Amino acid sequence: IGTNDLKDEEPQQVAKKIVNLGLSIERET
């Protein structure tokens, strides 16, 4: 994930979203 986001968002914002998604998945499973 993340490649498509870089067209419209700053790398730091994309990285933050990826980390948040990962943490969400770890909480669920």
mmCIF file of all heavy atoms, coordinates in Angstrom:
data_MODEL
# 
_entry.id   MODEL 
# 
loop_
_atom_site.group_PDB 
_atom_site.id 
_atom_site.type_symbol 
_atom_site.label_atom_id 
_atom_site.label_alt_id 
_atom_site.label_comp_id 
_atom_site.label_asym_id 
_atom_site.label_entity_id 
_atom_site.label_seq_id 
_atom_site.pdbx_PDB_ins_code 
_atom_site.Cartn_x 
_atom_site.Cartn_y 
_atom_site.Cartn_z 
_atom_site.occupancy 
_atom_site.B_iso_or_equiv 
_atom_site.pdbx_formal_charge 
_atom_site.auth_seq_id 
_atom_site.auth_comp_id 
_atom_site.auth_asym_id 
_atom_site.auth_atom_id 
_atom_site.pdbx_PDB_model_num 
ATOM 1   N N   . ILE A 1 1  ? 0.829   -1.207 0.000   1.00 0.00 ? 1  ILE A N   1 
ATOM 2   C CA  . ILE A 1 1  ? 0.000   0.000  0.000   1.00 0.00 ? 1  ILE A CA  1 
ATOM 3   C C   . ILE A 1 1  ? 0.863   1.256  0.000   1.00 0.00 ? 1  ILE A C   1 
ATOM 4   O O   . ILE A 1 1  ? 2.051   1.199  0.295   1.00 0.00 ? 1  ILE A O   1 
ATOM 5   C CB  . ILE A 1 1  ? -0.944  0.040  1.219   1.00 0.00 ? 1  ILE A CB  1 
ATOM 6   C CG1 . ILE A 1 1  ? -0.140  -0.073 2.518   1.00 0.00 ? 1  ILE A CG1 1 
ATOM 7   C CG2 . ILE A 1 1  ? -1.993  -1.033 1.135   1.00 0.00 ? 1  ILE A CG2 1 
ATOM 8   C CD1 . ILE A 1 1  ? -0.962  0.058  3.769   1.00 0.00 ? 1  ILE A CD1 1 
ATOM 9   N N   . GLY A 1 2  ? 0.245   2.370  -0.335  1.00 0.00 ? 2  GLY A N   1 
ATOM 10  C CA  . GLY A 1 2  ? 0.878   3.671  -0.227  1.00 0.00 ? 2  GLY A CA  1 
ATOM 11  C C   . GLY A 1 2  ? 1.313   4.302  -1.531  1.00 0.00 ? 2  GLY A C   1 
ATOM 12  O O   . GLY A 1 2  ? 1.409   5.524  -1.625  1.00 0.00 ? 2  GLY A O   1 
ATOM 13  N N   . THR A 1 3  ? 1.570   3.498  -2.538  1.00 0.00 ? 3  THR A N   1 
ATOM 14  C CA  . THR A 1 3  ? 2.081   4.039  -3.799  1.00 0.00 ? 3  THR A CA  1 
ATOM 15  C C   . THR A 1 3  ? 1.108   5.025  -4.430  1.00 0.00 ? 3  THR A C   1 
ATOM 16  O O   . THR A 1 3  ? 1.507   6.100  -4.880  1.00 0.00 ? 3  THR A O   1 
ATOM 17  C CB  . THR A 1 3  ? 2.388   2.889  -4.779  1.00 0.00 ? 3  THR A CB  1 
ATOM 18  O OG1 . THR A 1 3  ? 3.294   1.993  -4.155  1.00 0.00 ? 3  THR A OG1 1 
ATOM 19  C CG2 . THR A 1 3  ? 2.993   3.406  -6.063  1.00 0.00 ? 3  THR A CG2 1 
ATOM 20  N N   . ASN A 1 4  ? -0.169  4.679  -4.463  1.00 0.00 ? 4  ASN A N   1 
ATOM 21  C CA  . ASN A 1 4  ? -1.157  5.548  -5.107  1.00 0.00 ? 4  ASN A CA  1 
ATOM 22  C C   . ASN A 1 4  ? -1.387  6.847  -4.341  1.00 0.00 ? 4  ASN A C   1 
ATOM 23  O O   . ASN A 1 4  ? -1.799  7.848  -4.932  1.00 0.00 ? 4  ASN A O   1 
ATOM 24  C CB  . ASN A 1 4  ? -2.492  4.814  -5.273  1.00 0.00 ? 4  ASN A CB  1 
ATOM 25  C CG  . ASN A 1 4  ? -2.384  3.683  -6.264  1.00 0.00 ? 4  ASN A CG  1 
ATOM 26  O OD1 . ASN A 1 4  ? -1.619  3.756  -7.215  1.00 0.00 ? 4  ASN A OD1 1 
ATOM 27  N ND2 . ASN A 1 4  ? -3.135  2.622  -6.034  1.00 0.00 ? 4  ASN A ND2 1 
ATOM 28  N N   . ASP A 1 5  ? -1.134  6.847  -3.045  1.00 0.00 ? 5  ASP A N   1 
ATOM 29  C CA  . ASP A 1 5  ? -1.354  8.041  -2.233  1.00 0.00 ? 5  ASP A CA  1 
ATOM 30  C C   . ASP A 1 5  ? -0.339  9.138  -2.525  1.00 0.00 ? 5  ASP A C   1 
ATOM 31  O O   . ASP A 1 5  ? -0.627  10.320 -2.347  1.00 0.00 ? 5  ASP A O   1 
ATOM 32  C CB  . ASP A 1 5  ? -1.261  7.690  -0.745  1.00 0.00 ? 5  ASP A CB  1 
ATOM 33  C CG  . ASP A 1 5  ? -2.366  6.763  -0.310  1.00 0.00 ? 5  ASP A CG  1 
ATOM 34  O OD1 . ASP A 1 5  ? -2.224  5.548  -0.483  1.00 0.00 ? 5  ASP A OD1 1 
ATOM 35  O OD2 . ASP A 1 5  ? -3.371  7.270  0.199   1.00 0.00 ? 5  ASP A OD2 1 
ATOM 36  N N   . LEU A 1 6  ? 0.854   8.757  -2.935  1.00 0.00 ? 6  LEU A N   1 
ATOM 37  C CA  . LEU A 1 6  ? 1.933   9.732  -3.081  1.00 0.00 ? 6  LEU A CA  1 
ATOM 38  C C   . LEU A 1 6  ? 1.695   10.764 -4.173  1.00 0.00 ? 6  LEU A C   1 
ATOM 39  O O   . LEU A 1 6  ? 2.335   11.800 -4.194  1.00 0.00 ? 6  LEU A O   1 
ATOM 40  C CB  . LEU A 1 6  ? 3.261   9.017  -3.319  1.00 0.00 ? 6  LEU A CB  1 
ATOM 41  C CG  . LEU A 1 6  ? 3.783   8.253  -2.107  1.00 0.00 ? 6  LEU A CG  1 
ATOM 42  C CD1 . LEU A 1 6  ? 5.013   7.453  -2.482  1.00 0.00 ? 6  LEU A CD1 1 
ATOM 43  C CD2 . LEU A 1 6  ? 4.068   9.193  -0.962  1.00 0.00 ? 6  LEU A CD2 1 
ATOM 44  N N   . LYS A 1 7  ? 0.776   10.477 -5.063  1.00 0.00 ? 7  LYS A N   1 
ATOM 45  C CA  . LYS A 1 7  ? 0.456   11.432 -6.124  1.00 0.00 ? 7  LYS A CA  1 
ATOM 46  C C   . LYS A 1 7  ? -0.192  12.696 -5.561  1.00 0.00 ? 7  LYS A C   1 
ATOM 47  O O   . LYS A 1 7  ? 0.013   13.785 -6.066  1.00 0.00 ? 7  LYS A O   1 
ATOM 48  C CB  . LYS A 1 7  ? -0.462  10.772 -7.148  1.00 0.00 ? 7  LYS A CB  1 
ATOM 49  C CG  . LYS A 1 7  ? -0.747  11.613 -8.357  1.00 0.00 ? 7  LYS A CG  1 
ATOM 50  C CD  . LYS A 1 7  ? -1.550  10.843 -9.380  1.00 0.00 ? 7  LYS A CD  1 
ATOM 51  C CE  . LYS A 1 7  ? -1.802  11.683 -10.610 1.00 0.00 ? 7  LYS A CE  1 
ATOM 52  N NZ  . LYS A 1 7  ? -2.599  10.983 -11.604 1.00 0.00 ? 7  LYS A NZ  1 
ATOM 53  N N   . ASP A 1 8  ? -0.971  12.536 -4.481  1.00 0.00 ? 8  ASP A N   1 
ATOM 54  C CA  . ASP A 1 8  ? -1.745  13.654 -3.944  1.00 0.00 ? 8  ASP A CA  1 
ATOM 55  C C   . ASP A 1 8  ? -1.377  14.065 -2.519  1.00 0.00 ? 8  ASP A C   1 
ATOM 56  O O   . ASP A 1 8  ? -1.890  15.068 -2.027  1.00 0.00 ? 8  ASP A O   1 
ATOM 57  C CB  . ASP A 1 8  ? -3.240  13.302 -3.960  1.00 0.00 ? 8  ASP A CB  1 
ATOM 58  C CG  . ASP A 1 8  ? -3.743  13.030 -5.368  1.00 0.00 ? 8  ASP A CG  1 
ATOM 59  O OD1 . ASP A 1 8  ? -3.382  13.787 -6.274  1.00 0.00 ? 8  ASP A OD1 1 
ATOM 60  O OD2 . ASP A 1 8  ? -4.493  12.049 -5.543  1.00 0.00 ? 8  ASP A OD2 1 
ATOM 61  N N   . GLU A 1 9  ? -0.532  13.278 -1.841  1.00 0.00 ? 9  GLU A N   1 
ATOM 62  C CA  . GLU A 1 9  ? -0.232  13.572 -0.445  1.00 0.00 ? 9  GLU A CA  1 
ATOM 63  C C   . GLU A 1 9  ? 1.271   13.573 -0.186  1.00 0.00 ? 9  GLU A C   1 
ATOM 64  O O   . GLU A 1 9  ? 2.032   12.953 -0.920  1.00 0.00 ? 9  GLU A O   1 
ATOM 65  C CB  . GLU A 1 9  ? -0.892  12.535 0.468   1.00 0.00 ? 9  GLU A CB  1 
ATOM 66  C CG  . GLU A 1 9  ? -2.404  12.538 0.385   1.00 0.00 ? 9  GLU A CG  1 
ATOM 67  C CD  . GLU A 1 9  ? -3.026  11.563 1.353   1.00 0.00 ? 9  GLU A CD  1 
ATOM 68  O OE1 . GLU A 1 9  ? -2.604  11.521 2.519   1.00 0.00 ? 9  GLU A OE1 1 
ATOM 69  O OE2 . GLU A 1 9  ? -3.927  10.831 0.929   1.00 0.00 ? 9  GLU A OE2 1 
ATOM 70  N N   . GLU A 1 10 ? 1.662   14.235 0.876   1.00 0.00 ? 10 GLU A N   1 
ATOM 71  C CA  . GLU A 1 10 ? 3.062   14.269 1.281   1.00 0.00 ? 10 GLU A CA  1 
ATOM 72  C C   . GLU A 1 10 ? 3.472   12.908 1.858   1.00 0.00 ? 10 GLU A C   1 
ATOM 73  O O   . GLU A 1 10 ? 2.657   12.234 2.493   1.00 0.00 ? 10 GLU A O   1 
ATOM 74  C CB  . GLU A 1 10 ? 3.283   15.355 2.337   1.00 0.00 ? 10 GLU A CB  1 
ATOM 75  C CG  . GLU A 1 10 ? 3.098   16.762 1.804   1.00 0.00 ? 10 GLU A CG  1 
ATOM 76  C CD  . GLU A 1 10 ? 4.123   17.102 0.740   1.00 0.00 ? 10 GLU A CD  1 
ATOM 77  O OE1 . GLU A 1 10 ? 5.313   16.775 0.918   1.00 0.00 ? 10 GLU A OE1 1 
ATOM 78  O OE2 . GLU A 1 10 ? 3.733   17.696 -0.286  1.00 0.00 ? 10 GLU A OE2 1 
ATOM 79  N N   . PRO A 1 11 ? 4.722   12.514 1.643   1.00 0.00 ? 11 PRO A N   1 
ATOM 80  C CA  . PRO A 1 11 ? 5.185   11.212 2.145   1.00 0.00 ? 11 PRO A CA  1 
ATOM 81  C C   . PRO A 1 11 ? 4.952   10.999 3.639   1.00 0.00 ? 11 PRO A C   1 
ATOM 82  O O   . PRO A 1 11 ? 4.585   9.904  4.062   1.00 0.00 ? 11 PRO A O   1 
ATOM 83  C CB  . PRO A 1 11 ? 6.679   11.223 1.819   1.00 0.00 ? 11 PRO A CB  1 
ATOM 84  C CG  . PRO A 1 11 ? 6.805   12.150 0.658   1.00 0.00 ? 11 PRO A CG  1 
ATOM 85  C CD  . PRO A 1 11 ? 5.755   13.204 0.865   1.00 0.00 ? 11 PRO A CD  1 
ATOM 86  N N   . GLN A 1 12 ? 5.135   12.035 4.453   1.00 0.00 ? 12 GLN A N   1 
ATOM 87  C CA  . GLN A 1 12 ? 4.940   11.896 5.893   1.00 0.00 ? 12 GLN A CA  1 
ATOM 88  C C   . GLN A 1 12 ? 3.488   11.565 6.228   1.00 0.00 ? 12 GLN A C   1 
ATOM 89  O O   . GLN A 1 12 ? 3.218   10.764 7.127   1.00 0.00 ? 12 GLN A O   1 
ATOM 90  C CB  . GLN A 1 12 ? 5.359   13.185 6.635   1.00 0.00 ? 12 GLN A CB  1 
ATOM 91  C CG  . GLN A 1 12 ? 6.826   13.499 6.535   1.00 0.00 ? 12 GLN A CG  1 
ATOM 92  C CD  . GLN A 1 12 ? 7.207   14.215 5.240   1.00 0.00 ? 12 GLN A CD  1 
ATOM 93  O OE1 . GLN A 1 12 ? 6.381   14.507 4.374   1.00 0.00 ? 12 GLN A OE1 1 
ATOM 94  N NE2 . GLN A 1 12 ? 8.496   14.484 5.088   1.00 0.00 ? 12 GLN A NE2 1 
ATOM 95  N N   . GLN A 1 13 ? 2.560   12.170 5.507   1.00 0.00 ? 13 GLN A N   1 
ATOM 96  C CA  . GLN A 1 13 ? 1.144   11.889 5.730   1.00 0.00 ? 13 GLN A CA  1 
ATOM 97  C C   . GLN A 1 13 ? 0.803   10.464 5.309   1.00 0.00 ? 13 GLN A C   1 
ATOM 98  O O   . GLN A 1 13 ? 0.053   9.779  5.991   1.00 0.00 ? 13 GLN A O   1 
ATOM 99  C CB  . GLN A 1 13 ? 0.262   12.895 4.967   1.00 0.00 ? 13 GLN A CB  1 
ATOM 100 C CG  . GLN A 1 13 ? -1.213  12.735 5.219   1.00 0.00 ? 13 GLN A CG  1 
ATOM 101 C CD  . GLN A 1 13 ? -1.595  12.974 6.669   1.00 0.00 ? 13 GLN A CD  1 
ATOM 102 O OE1 . GLN A 1 13 ? -0.958  13.711 7.392   1.00 0.00 ? 13 GLN A OE1 1 
ATOM 103 N NE2 . GLN A 1 13 ? -2.655  12.327 7.094   1.00 0.00 ? 13 GLN A NE2 1 
ATOM 104 N N   . VAL A 1 14 ? 1.350   10.020 4.193   1.00 0.00 ? 14 VAL A N   1 
ATOM 105 C CA  . VAL A 1 14 ? 1.114   8.650  3.730   1.00 0.00 ? 14 VAL A CA  1 
ATOM 106 C C   . VAL A 1 14 ? 1.680   7.661  4.755   1.00 0.00 ? 14 VAL A C   1 
ATOM 107 O O   . VAL A 1 14 ? 1.022   6.686  5.115   1.00 0.00 ? 14 VAL A O   1 
ATOM 108 C CB  . VAL A 1 14 ? 1.742   8.413  2.333   1.00 0.00 ? 14 VAL A CB  1 
ATOM 109 C CG1 . VAL A 1 14 ? 1.597   6.963  1.912   1.00 0.00 ? 14 VAL A CG1 1 
ATOM 110 C CG2 . VAL A 1 14 ? 1.096   9.338  1.309   1.00 0.00 ? 14 VAL A CG2 1 
ATOM 111 N N   . ALA A 1 15 ? 2.881   7.928  5.229   1.00 0.00 ? 15 ALA A N   1 
ATOM 112 C CA  . ALA A 1 15 ? 3.499   7.046  6.224   1.00 0.00 ? 15 ALA A CA  1 
ATOM 113 C C   . ALA A 1 15 ? 2.648   6.958  7.483   1.00 0.00 ? 15 ALA A C   1 
ATOM 114 O O   . ALA A 1 15 ? 2.447   5.877  8.047   1.00 0.00 ? 15 ALA A O   1 
ATOM 115 C CB  . ALA A 1 15 ? 4.902   7.540  6.562   1.00 0.00 ? 15 ALA A CB  1 
ATOM 116 N N   . LYS A 1 16 ? 2.112   8.096  7.922   1.00 0.00 ? 16 LYS A N   1 
ATOM 117 C CA  . LYS A 1 16 ? 1.266   8.114  9.126   1.00 0.00 ? 16 LYS A CA  1 
ATOM 118 C C   . LYS A 1 16 ? 0.013   7.261  8.915   1.00 0.00 ? 16 LYS A C   1 
ATOM 119 O O   . LYS A 1 16 ? -0.405  6.505  9.795   1.00 0.00 ? 16 LYS A O   1 
ATOM 120 C CB  . LYS A 1 16 ? 0.877   9.545  9.464   1.00 0.00 ? 16 LYS A CB  1 
ATOM 121 C CG  . LYS A 1 16 ? 0.114   9.681  10.758  1.00 0.00 ? 16 LYS A CG  1 
ATOM 122 C CD  . LYS A 1 16 ? -0.293  11.125 11.017  1.00 0.00 ? 16 LYS A CD  1 
ATOM 123 C CE  . LYS A 1 16 ? 0.917   11.880 11.530  1.00 0.00 ? 16 LYS A CE  1 
ATOM 124 N NZ  . LYS A 1 16 ? 0.585   13.221 12.022  1.00 0.00 ? 16 LYS A NZ  1 
ATOM 125 N N   . LYS A 1 17 ? -0.598  7.369  7.738   1.00 0.00 ? 17 LYS A N   1 
ATOM 126 C CA  . LYS A 1 17 ? -1.791  6.578  7.438   1.00 0.00 ? 17 LYS A CA  1 
ATOM 127 C C   . LYS A 1 17 ? -1.473  5.078  7.409   1.00 0.00 ? 17 LYS A C   1 
ATOM 128 O O   . LYS A 1 17 ? -2.260  4.258  7.880   1.00 0.00 ? 17 LYS A O   1 
ATOM 129 C CB  . LYS A 1 17 ? -2.398  6.993  6.093   1.00 0.00 ? 17 LYS A CB  1 
ATOM 130 C CG  . LYS A 1 17 ? -3.105  8.322  6.130   1.00 0.00 ? 17 LYS A CG  1 
ATOM 131 C CD  . LYS A 1 17 ? -3.701  8.618  4.766   1.00 0.00 ? 17 LYS A CD  1 
ATOM 132 C CE  . LYS A 1 17 ? -4.506  9.880  4.787   1.00 0.00 ? 17 LYS A CE  1 
ATOM 133 N NZ  . LYS A 1 17 ? -5.233  10.091 3.533   1.00 0.00 ? 17 LYS A NZ  1 
ATOM 134 N N   . ILE A 1 18 ? -0.318  4.721  6.846   1.00 0.00 ? 18 ILE A N   1 
ATOM 135 C CA  . ILE A 1 18 ? 0.081   3.311  6.784   1.00 0.00 ? 18 ILE A CA  1 
ATOM 136 C C   . ILE A 1 18 ? 0.284   2.766  8.193   1.00 0.00 ? 18 ILE A C   1 
ATOM 137 O O   . ILE A 1 18 ? -0.174  1.669  8.530   1.00 0.00 ? 18 ILE A O   1 
ATOM 138 C CB  . ILE A 1 18 ? 1.338   3.132  5.917   1.00 0.00 ? 18 ILE A CB  1 
ATOM 139 C CG1 . ILE A 1 18 ? 1.001   3.423  4.454   1.00 0.00 ? 18 ILE A CG1 1 
ATOM 140 C CG2 . ILE A 1 18 ? 1.919   1.731  6.073   1.00 0.00 ? 18 ILE A CG2 1 
ATOM 141 C CD1 . ILE A 1 18 ? 2.216   3.509  3.539   1.00 0.00 ? 18 ILE A CD1 1 
ATOM 142 N N   . VAL A 1 19 ? 0.968   3.526  9.037   1.00 0.00 ? 19 VAL A N   1 
ATOM 143 C CA  . VAL A 1 19 ? 1.186   3.099  10.421  1.00 0.00 ? 19 VAL A CA  1 
ATOM 144 C C   . VAL A 1 19 ? -0.149  2.934  11.137  1.00 0.00 ? 19 VAL A C   1 
ATOM 145 O O   . VAL A 1 19 ? -0.378  1.937  11.836  1.00 0.00 ? 19 VAL A O   1 
ATOM 146 C CB  . VAL A 1 19 ? 2.098   4.101  11.163  1.00 0.00 ? 19 VAL A CB  1 
ATOM 147 C CG1 . VAL A 1 19 ? 2.096   3.843  12.660  1.00 0.00 ? 19 VAL A CG1 1 
ATOM 148 C CG2 . VAL A 1 19 ? 3.513   4.036  10.613  1.00 0.00 ? 19 VAL A CG2 1 
ATOM 149 N N   . ASN A 1 20 ? -1.057  3.882  10.965  1.00 0.00 ? 20 ASN A N   1 
ATOM 150 C CA  . ASN A 1 20 ? -2.369  3.788  11.617  1.00 0.00 ? 20 ASN A CA  1 
ATOM 151 C C   . ASN A 1 20 ? -3.154  2.575  11.142  1.00 0.00 ? 20 ASN A C   1 
ATOM 152 O O   . ASN A 1 20 ? -3.820  1.917  11.940  1.00 0.00 ? 20 ASN A O   1 
ATOM 153 C CB  . ASN A 1 20 ? -3.170  5.069  11.398  1.00 0.00 ? 20 ASN A CB  1 
ATOM 154 C CG  . ASN A 1 20 ? -2.626  6.229  12.190  1.00 0.00 ? 20 ASN A CG  1 
ATOM 155 O OD1 . ASN A 1 20 ? -1.926  6.052  13.187  1.00 0.00 ? 20 ASN A OD1 1 
ATOM 156 N ND2 . ASN A 1 20 ? -2.918  7.442  11.751  1.00 0.00 ? 20 ASN A ND2 1 
ATOM 157 N N   . LEU A 1 21 ? -3.080  2.275  9.849   1.00 0.00 ? 21 LEU A N   1 
ATOM 158 C CA  . LEU A 1 21 ? -3.749  1.079  9.332   1.00 0.00 ? 21 LEU A CA  1 
ATOM 159 C C   . LEU A 1 21 ? -3.146  -0.171 9.968   1.00 0.00 ? 21 LEU A C   1 
ATOM 160 O O   . LEU A 1 21 ? -3.869  -1.064 10.408  1.00 0.00 ? 21 LEU A O   1 
ATOM 161 C CB  . LEU A 1 21 ? -3.631  0.999  7.807   1.00 0.00 ? 21 LEU A CB  1 
ATOM 162 C CG  . LEU A 1 21 ? -4.182  -0.266 7.159   1.00 0.00 ? 21 LEU A CG  1 
ATOM 163 C CD1 . LEU A 1 21 ? -5.667  -0.463 7.447   1.00 0.00 ? 21 LEU A CD1 1 
ATOM 164 C CD2 . LEU A 1 21 ? -3.925  -0.254 5.660   1.00 0.00 ? 21 LEU A CD2 1 
ATOM 165 N N   . GLY A 1 22 ? -1.825  -0.233 10.030  1.00 0.00 ? 22 GLY A N   1 
ATOM 166 C CA  . GLY A 1 22 ? -1.161  -1.376 10.641  1.00 0.00 ? 22 GLY A CA  1 
ATOM 167 C C   . GLY A 1 22 ? -1.557  -1.550 12.097  1.00 0.00 ? 22 GLY A C   1 
ATOM 168 O O   . GLY A 1 22 ? -1.845  -2.667 12.547  1.00 0.00 ? 22 GLY A O   1 
ATOM 169 N N   . LEU A 1 23 ? -1.592  -0.469 12.850  1.00 0.00 ? 23 LEU A N   1 
ATOM 170 C CA  . LEU A 1 23 ? -1.982  -0.543 14.261  1.00 0.00 ? 23 LEU A CA  1 
ATOM 171 C C   . LEU A 1 23 ? -3.431  -0.994 14.415  1.00 0.00 ? 23 LEU A C   1 
ATOM 172 O O   . LEU A 1 23 ? -3.762  -1.773 15.312  1.00 0.00 ? 23 LEU A O   1 
ATOM 173 C CB  . LEU A 1 23 ? -1.768  0.814  14.930  1.00 0.00 ? 23 LEU A CB  1 
ATOM 174 C CG  . LEU A 1 23 ? -0.315  1.257  15.087  1.00 0.00 ? 23 LEU A CG  1 
ATOM 175 C CD1 . LEU A 1 23 ? -0.240  2.700  15.587  1.00 0.00 ? 23 LEU A CD1 1 
ATOM 176 C CD2 . LEU A 1 23 ? 0.444   0.308  16.014  1.00 0.00 ? 23 LEU A CD2 1 
ATOM 177 N N   . SER A 1 24 ? -4.286  -0.531 13.521  1.00 0.00 ? 24 SER A N   1 
ATOM 178 C CA  . SER A 1 24 ? -5.694  -0.938 13.551  1.00 0.00 ? 24 SER A CA  1 
ATOM 179 C C   . SER A 1 24 ? -5.834  -2.444 13.306  1.00 0.00 ? 24 SER A C   1 
ATOM 180 O O   . SER A 1 24 ? -6.590  -3.126 14.002  1.00 0.00 ? 24 SER A O   1 
ATOM 181 C CB  . SER A 1 24 ? -6.470  -0.150 12.497  1.00 0.00 ? 24 SER A CB  1 
ATOM 182 O OG  . SER A 1 24 ? -7.774  -0.630 12.370  1.00 0.00 ? 24 SER A OG  1 
ATOM 183 N N   . ILE A 1 25 ? -5.105  -2.956 12.328  1.00 0.00 ? 25 ILE A N   1 
ATOM 184 C CA  . ILE A 1 25 ? -5.157  -4.392 12.035  1.00 0.00 ? 25 ILE A CA  1 
ATOM 185 C C   . ILE A 1 25 ? -4.614  -5.187 13.216  1.00 0.00 ? 25 ILE A C   1 
ATOM 186 O O   . ILE A 1 25 ? -5.191  -6.205 13.611  1.00 0.00 ? 25 ILE A O   1 
ATOM 187 C CB  . ILE A 1 25 ? -4.372  -4.702 10.740  1.00 0.00 ? 25 ILE A CB  1 
ATOM 188 C CG1 . ILE A 1 25 ? -5.105  -4.109 9.538   1.00 0.00 ? 25 ILE A CG1 1 
ATOM 189 C CG2 . ILE A 1 25 ? -4.168  -6.208 10.571  1.00 0.00 ? 25 ILE A CG2 1 
ATOM 190 C CD1 . ILE A 1 25 ? -4.307  -4.137 8.252   1.00 0.00 ? 25 ILE A CD1 1 
ATOM 191 N N   . GLU A 1 26 ? -3.524  -4.725 13.820  1.00 0.00 ? 26 GLU A N   1 
ATOM 192 C CA  . GLU A 1 26 ? -2.959  -5.425 14.975  1.00 0.00 ? 26 GLU A CA  1 
ATOM 193 C C   . GLU A 1 26 ? -3.927  -5.434 16.158  1.00 0.00 ? 26 GLU A C   1 
ATOM 194 O O   . GLU A 1 26 ? -3.976  -6.412 16.896  1.00 0.00 ? 26 GLU A O   1 
ATOM 195 C CB  . GLU A 1 26 ? -1.632  -4.797 15.375  1.00 0.00 ? 26 GLU A CB  1 
ATOM 196 C CG  . GLU A 1 26 ? -0.516  -5.130 14.408  1.00 0.00 ? 26 GLU A CG  1 
ATOM 197 C CD  . GLU A 1 26 ? 0.821   -4.524 14.799  1.00 0.00 ? 26 GLU A CD  1 
ATOM 198 O OE1 . GLU A 1 26 ? 0.850   -3.587 15.633  1.00 0.00 ? 26 GLU A OE1 1 
ATOM 199 O OE2 . GLU A 1 26 ? 1.831   -4.993 14.266  1.00 0.00 ? 26 GLU A OE2 1 
ATOM 200 N N   . ARG A 1 27 ? -4.694  -4.372 16.350  1.00 0.00 ? 27 ARG A N   1 
ATOM 201 C CA  . ARG A 1 27 ? -5.696  -4.348 17.426  1.00 0.00 ? 27 ARG A CA  1 
ATOM 202 C C   . ARG A 1 27 ? -6.819  -5.348 17.152  1.00 0.00 ? 27 ARG A C   1 
ATOM 203 O O   . ARG A 1 27 ? -7.289  -6.025 18.059  1.00 0.00 ? 27 ARG A O   1 
ATOM 204 C CB  . ARG A 1 27 ? -6.281  -2.952 17.585  1.00 0.00 ? 27 ARG A CB  1 
ATOM 205 C CG  . ARG A 1 27 ? -5.466  -2.025 18.429  1.00 0.00 ? 27 ARG A CG  1 
ATOM 206 C CD  . ARG A 1 27 ? -6.246  -0.762 18.797  1.00 0.00 ? 27 ARG A CD  1 
ATOM 207 N NE  . ARG A 1 27 ? -6.717  -0.006 17.644  1.00 0.00 ? 27 ARG A NE  1 
ATOM 208 C CZ  . ARG A 1 27 ? -5.985  0.885  16.974  1.00 0.00 ? 27 ARG A CZ  1 
ATOM 209 N NH1 . ARG A 1 27 ? -4.748  1.127  17.336  1.00 0.00 ? 27 ARG A NH1 1 
ATOM 210 N NH2 . ARG A 1 27 ? -6.498  1.539  15.951  1.00 0.00 ? 27 ARG A NH2 1 
ATOM 211 N N   . GLU A 1 28 ? -7.264  -5.408 15.884  1.00 0.00 ? 28 GLU A N   1 
ATOM 212 C CA  . GLU A 1 28 ? -8.368  -6.306 15.533  1.00 0.00 ? 28 GLU A CA  1 
ATOM 213 C C   . GLU A 1 28 ? -7.951  -7.768 15.565  1.00 0.00 ? 28 GLU A C   1 
ATOM 214 O O   . GLU A 1 28 ? -8.738  -8.618 15.966  1.00 0.00 ? 28 GLU A O   1 
ATOM 215 C CB  . GLU A 1 28 ? -8.889  -5.969 14.133  1.00 0.00 ? 28 GLU A CB  1 
ATOM 216 C CG  . GLU A 1 28 ? -9.714  -4.721 14.062  1.00 0.00 ? 28 GLU A CG  1 
ATOM 217 C CD  . GLU A 1 28 ? -10.267 -4.501 12.667  1.00 0.00 ? 28 GLU A CD  1 
ATOM 218 O OE1 . GLU A 1 28 ? -10.773 -5.465 12.063  1.00 0.00 ? 28 GLU A OE1 1 
ATOM 219 O OE2 . GLU A 1 28 ? -10.178 -3.352 12.192  1.00 0.00 ? 28 GLU A OE2 1 
ATOM 220 N N   . THR A 1 29 ? -6.760  -8.059 15.084  1.00 0.00 ? 29 THR A N   1 
ATOM 221 C CA  . THR A 1 29 ? -6.298  -9.450 14.989  1.00 0.00 ? 29 THR A CA  1 
ATOM 222 C C   . THR A 1 29 ? -4.857  -9.556 15.485  1.00 0.00 ? 29 THR A C   1 
ATOM 223 O O   . THR A 1 29 ? -3.925  -9.673 14.692  1.00 0.00 ? 29 THR A O   1 
ATOM 224 C CB  . THR A 1 29 ? -6.398  -9.967 13.546  1.00 0.00 ? 29 THR A CB  1 
ATOM 225 O OG1 . THR A 1 29 ? -5.568  -9.144 12.715  1.00 0.00 ? 29 THR A OG1 1 
ATOM 226 C CG2 . THR A 1 29 ? -7.799  -9.958 13.021  1.00 0.00 ? 29 THR A CG2 1 
# 
